[in-house]
Amino acid sequence: MAATDGVLTDEEMQILELVRHWLGIDRLIAAGIERGIRARFATA
């Protein structure tokens, strides 16, 4: 949901950070995934 509405609350950011750590995803990889999601849902 966070990716679709474009607004992240502090609680959502904390949960996403915990999931990133739990899955062992590097910060740069997570940033790349986030950028890809933003591009996917961008409107021209």
N, C-alpha and C. Protein backbone atom coordinates (compact mmCIF):
# COMPACT_ATOMS: atom_id res chain seq x y z
N MET A 1 0.81 -1.19 0.00
CA MET A 1 0.00 0.00 0.00
C MET A 1 0.86 1.26 0.00
N ALA A 2 1.98 1.19 0.67
CA ALA A 2 2.82 2.38 0.76
C ALA A 2 3.27 2.85 -0.62
N ALA A 3 3.52 1.91 -1.50
CA ALA A 3 4.00 2.28 -2.84
C ALA A 3 2.88 2.88 -3.69
N THR A 4 1.65 2.51 -3.42
CA THR A 4 0.57 2.96 -4.27
C THR A 4 0.06 4.35 -3.93
N ASP A 5 0.01 4.69 -2.64
CA ASP A 5 -0.52 6.01 -2.30
C ASP A 5 0.55 7.10 -2.29
N GLY A 6 1.83 6.72 -2.29
CA GLY A 6 2.91 7.70 -2.38
C GLY A 6 3.25 8.41 -1.08
N VAL A 7 2.53 8.10 -0.01
CA VAL A 7 2.77 8.75 1.28
C VAL A 7 3.08 7.67 2.31
N LEU A 8 4.21 7.83 3.00
CA LEU A 8 4.60 6.86 4.02
C LEU A 8 4.52 7.50 5.40
N THR A 9 3.84 6.83 6.31
CA THR A 9 3.85 7.27 7.70
C THR A 9 5.10 6.72 8.36
N ASP A 10 5.40 7.22 9.53
CA ASP A 10 6.56 6.73 10.28
C ASP A 10 6.42 5.23 10.58
N GLU A 11 5.20 4.81 10.91
CA GLU A 11 4.96 3.41 11.23
C GLU A 11 5.21 2.52 10.01
N GLU A 12 4.75 2.96 8.84
CA GLU A 12 4.98 2.19 7.61
C GLU A 12 6.47 2.09 7.30
N MET A 13 7.18 3.18 7.48
CA MET A 13 8.63 3.17 7.22
C MET A 13 9.34 2.22 8.17
N GLN A 14 8.94 2.19 9.43
CA GLN A 14 9.56 1.30 10.40
C GLN A 14 9.30 -0.17 10.04
N ILE A 15 8.07 -0.46 9.64
CA ILE A 15 7.74 -1.84 9.26
C ILE A 15 8.53 -2.27 8.04
N LEU A 16 8.62 -1.39 7.04
CA LEU A 16 9.39 -1.71 5.84
C LEU A 16 10.86 -1.92 6.16
N GLU A 17 11.39 -1.12 7.08
CA GLU A 17 12.79 -1.27 7.49
C GLU A 17 13.00 -2.61 8.20
N LEU A 18 12.06 -3.00 9.05
CA LEU A 18 12.17 -4.29 9.74
C LEU A 18 12.11 -5.45 8.74
N VAL A 19 11.23 -5.36 7.77
CA VAL A 19 11.12 -6.41 6.76
C VAL A 19 12.41 -6.48 5.94
N ARG A 20 12.96 -5.32 5.59
CA ARG A 20 14.22 -5.29 4.83
C ARG A 20 15.33 -5.99 5.61
N HIS A 21 15.42 -5.71 6.90
CA HIS A 21 16.45 -6.36 7.72
C HIS A 21 16.18 -7.86 7.85
N TRP A 22 14.92 -8.23 8.05
CA TRP A 22 14.55 -9.63 8.22
C TRP A 22 14.88 -10.43 6.98
N LEU A 23 14.66 -9.83 5.80
CA LEU A 23 14.95 -10.51 4.54
C LEU A 23 16.41 -10.40 4.13
N GLY A 24 17.17 -9.55 4.82
CA GLY A 24 18.58 -9.40 4.49
C GLY A 24 18.83 -8.64 3.21
N ILE A 25 17.95 -7.69 2.90
CA ILE A 25 18.09 -6.90 1.68
C ILE A 25 18.95 -5.68 1.96
N ASP A 26 19.99 -5.50 1.15
CA ASP A 26 20.88 -4.36 1.28
C ASP A 26 20.13 -3.06 1.02
N ARG A 27 20.57 -1.99 1.65
CA ARG A 27 19.92 -0.69 1.53
C ARG A 27 19.88 -0.21 0.07
N LEU A 28 20.95 -0.41 -0.68
CA LEU A 28 20.98 0.03 -2.08
C LEU A 28 20.04 -0.80 -2.95
N ILE A 29 19.94 -2.09 -2.66
CA ILE A 29 19.00 -2.94 -3.39
C ILE A 29 17.57 -2.49 -3.11
N ALA A 30 17.27 -2.20 -1.85
CA ALA A 30 15.94 -1.72 -1.48
C ALA A 30 15.62 -0.41 -2.18
N ALA A 31 16.60 0.47 -2.29
CA ALA A 31 16.40 1.74 -2.99
C ALA A 31 16.11 1.51 -4.47
N GLY A 32 16.79 0.53 -5.06
CA GLY A 32 16.54 0.19 -6.46
C GLY A 32 15.15 -0.37 -6.68
N ILE A 33 14.70 -1.21 -5.75
CA ILE A 33 13.35 -1.76 -5.83
C ILE A 33 12.33 -0.63 -5.71
N GLU A 34 12.56 0.26 -4.77
CA GLU A 34 11.65 1.40 -4.57
C GLU A 34 11.57 2.27 -5.83
N ARG A 35 12.72 2.51 -6.43
CA ARG A 35 12.73 3.33 -7.65
C ARG A 35 11.98 2.65 -8.79
N GLY A 36 12.15 1.35 -8.89
CA GLY A 36 11.44 0.59 -9.91
C GLY A 36 9.93 0.63 -9.70
N ILE A 37 9.50 0.53 -8.46
CA ILE A 37 8.07 0.60 -8.15
C ILE A 37 7.52 1.98 -8.49
N ARG A 38 8.27 3.01 -8.14
CA ARG A 38 7.82 4.37 -8.47
C ARG A 38 7.70 4.55 -9.98
N ALA A 39 8.65 4.02 -10.73
CA ALA A 39 8.59 4.13 -12.20
C ALA A 39 7.41 3.34 -12.74
N ARG A 40 7.14 2.20 -12.16
CA ARG A 40 6.03 1.36 -12.62
C ARG A 40 4.68 2.06 -12.47
N PHE A 41 4.51 2.80 -11.37
CA PHE A 41 3.23 3.44 -11.10
C PHE A 41 3.20 4.90 -11.50
N ALA A 42 4.25 5.39 -12.14
CA ALA A 42 4.28 6.79 -12.58
C ALA A 42 3.32 7.00 -13.74
N THR A 43 2.71 8.14 -13.76
CA THR A 43 1.82 8.48 -14.88
C THR A 43 2.46 9.60 -15.70
N ALA A 44 2.33 9.49 -16.98
CA ALA A 44 2.95 10.48 -17.88
C ALA A 44 2.02 11.64 -18.16
